[in-house]
């Protein structure tokens, strides 16, 4: 954990890193929510565990990606918070 005060320069760097992570998560959400489902008919030509891949991604795959992404996001944000000394104790 950093003991340096959060100067305006460090606060700007903190926000840059936090907002970059946020935009990455929004990109993952968009691809998982819309792009994959838009191509579901094409993905249905591929079979995964006995189900058409488009159906599987809509029913299970997207949910799995969302849950993993939430835990990954929380971990990365905690690392950023600790680096800048703003983590909750």
Protein backbone atom coordinates (compact mmCIF):
# COMPACT_ATOMS: atom_id res chain seq x y z
CA UNK A 1 0.00 0.00 0.00
CA UNK A 2 1.29 3.44 -0.85
CA UNK A 3 1.56 6.01 1.92
CA UNK A 4 1.95 8.92 -0.48
CA UNK A 5 -0.77 11.56 -0.34
CA UNK A 6 -3.15 11.62 -3.26
CA UNK A 7 -1.83 14.69 -5.05
CA UNK A 8 -3.78 16.10 -8.01
CA UNK A 9 -1.34 14.36 -10.39
CA UNK A 10 -1.76 11.01 -8.64
CA UNK A 11 -5.53 11.51 -8.49
CA UNK A 12 -5.54 12.09 -12.24
CA UNK A 13 -3.48 8.93 -12.81
CA UNK A 14 -5.81 7.00 -10.47
CA UNK A 15 -8.85 8.15 -12.44
CA UNK A 16 -7.13 7.32 -15.74
CA UNK A 17 -6.46 3.75 -14.59
CA UNK A 18 -9.93 3.34 -13.06
CA UNK A 19 -11.76 4.71 -16.10
CA UNK A 20 -9.61 2.56 -18.42
CA UNK A 21 -10.67 -0.52 -16.47
CA UNK A 22 -14.29 0.64 -16.61
CA UNK A 23 -14.18 1.06 -20.41
CA UNK A 24 -12.60 -2.38 -20.79
CA UNK A 25 -15.40 -3.90 -18.71
CA UNK A 26 -18.03 -2.09 -20.79
CA UNK A 27 -16.41 -3.49 -23.92
CA UNK A 28 -16.50 -7.03 -22.52
CA UNK A 29 -20.13 -6.53 -21.51
CA UNK A 30 -21.08 -5.20 -24.96
CA UNK A 31 -19.40 -8.05 -26.83
CA UNK A 32 -20.87 -10.66 -24.49
CA UNK A 33 -24.37 -9.15 -24.45
CA UNK A 34 -24.86 -8.08 -28.04
CA UNK A 35 -22.17 -9.17 -30.49
CA UNK A 36 -22.18 -12.86 -29.57
CA UNK A 37 -25.99 -12.98 -29.63
CA UNK A 38 -26.12 -11.12 -32.95
CA UNK A 39 -24.08 -13.94 -34.48
CA UNK A 40 -26.03 -16.71 -32.71
CA UNK A 41 -27.53 -18.16 -35.92
CA UNK A 42 -24.03 -18.51 -37.39
CA UNK A 43 -22.69 -19.92 -34.12
CA UNK A 44 -25.46 -22.53 -34.09
CA UNK A 45 -23.60 -24.44 -36.81
CA UNK A 46 -21.01 -25.34 -34.12
CA UNK A 47 -21.90 -27.82 -31.39
CA UNK A 48 -20.69 -27.45 -27.77
CA UNK A 49 -21.52 -30.14 -25.18
CA UNK A 50 -24.27 -31.36 -27.47
CA UNK A 51 -25.95 -27.94 -27.81
CA UNK A 52 -25.70 -25.43 -30.64
CA UNK A 53 -23.00 -22.90 -29.64
CA UNK A 54 -25.27 -19.87 -30.18
CA UNK A 55 -27.88 -21.34 -27.83
CA UNK A 56 -25.23 -22.29 -25.26
CA UNK A 57 -23.69 -18.79 -25.29
CA UNK A 58 -27.12 -17.20 -24.83
CA UNK A 59 -28.21 -19.59 -22.08
CA UNK A 60 -24.99 -20.22 -20.12
CA UNK A 61 -21.84 -18.84 -21.69
CA UNK A 62 -22.68 -15.16 -21.29
CA UNK A 63 -23.63 -15.65 -17.65
CA UNK A 64 -20.36 -17.45 -16.93
CA UNK A 65 -18.39 -14.65 -18.63
CA UNK A 66 -20.29 -12.02 -16.60
CA UNK A 67 -19.57 -13.71 -13.26
CA UNK A 68 -15.88 -14.23 -14.06
CA UNK A 69 -15.63 -10.62 -15.30
CA UNK A 70 -17.14 -9.26 -12.07
CA UNK A 71 -14.60 -11.07 -9.89
CA UNK A 72 -11.74 -10.08 -12.23
CA UNK A 73 -12.89 -6.44 -12.20
CA UNK A 74 -13.09 -6.37 -8.39
CA UNK A 75 -9.59 -7.83 -8.12
CA UNK A 76 -8.08 -5.34 -10.60
CA UNK A 77 -9.84 -2.37 -8.96
CA UNK A 78 -8.57 -3.46 -5.54
CA UNK A 79 -5.02 -3.58 -6.96
CA UNK A 80 -5.40 -0.04 -8.34
CA UNK A 81 -6.87 1.18 -5.03
CA UNK A 82 -3.99 -0.34 -3.05
CA UNK A 83 -1.40 1.09 -5.43
CA UNK A 84 -2.76 4.61 -4.91
CA UNK A 85 -3.41 4.21 -1.18
CA UNK A 86 -7.19 4.57 -1.33
CA UNK A 87 -8.12 0.96 -0.54
CA UNK A 88 -10.63 0.20 2.19
CA UNK A 89 -9.01 -1.27 5.24
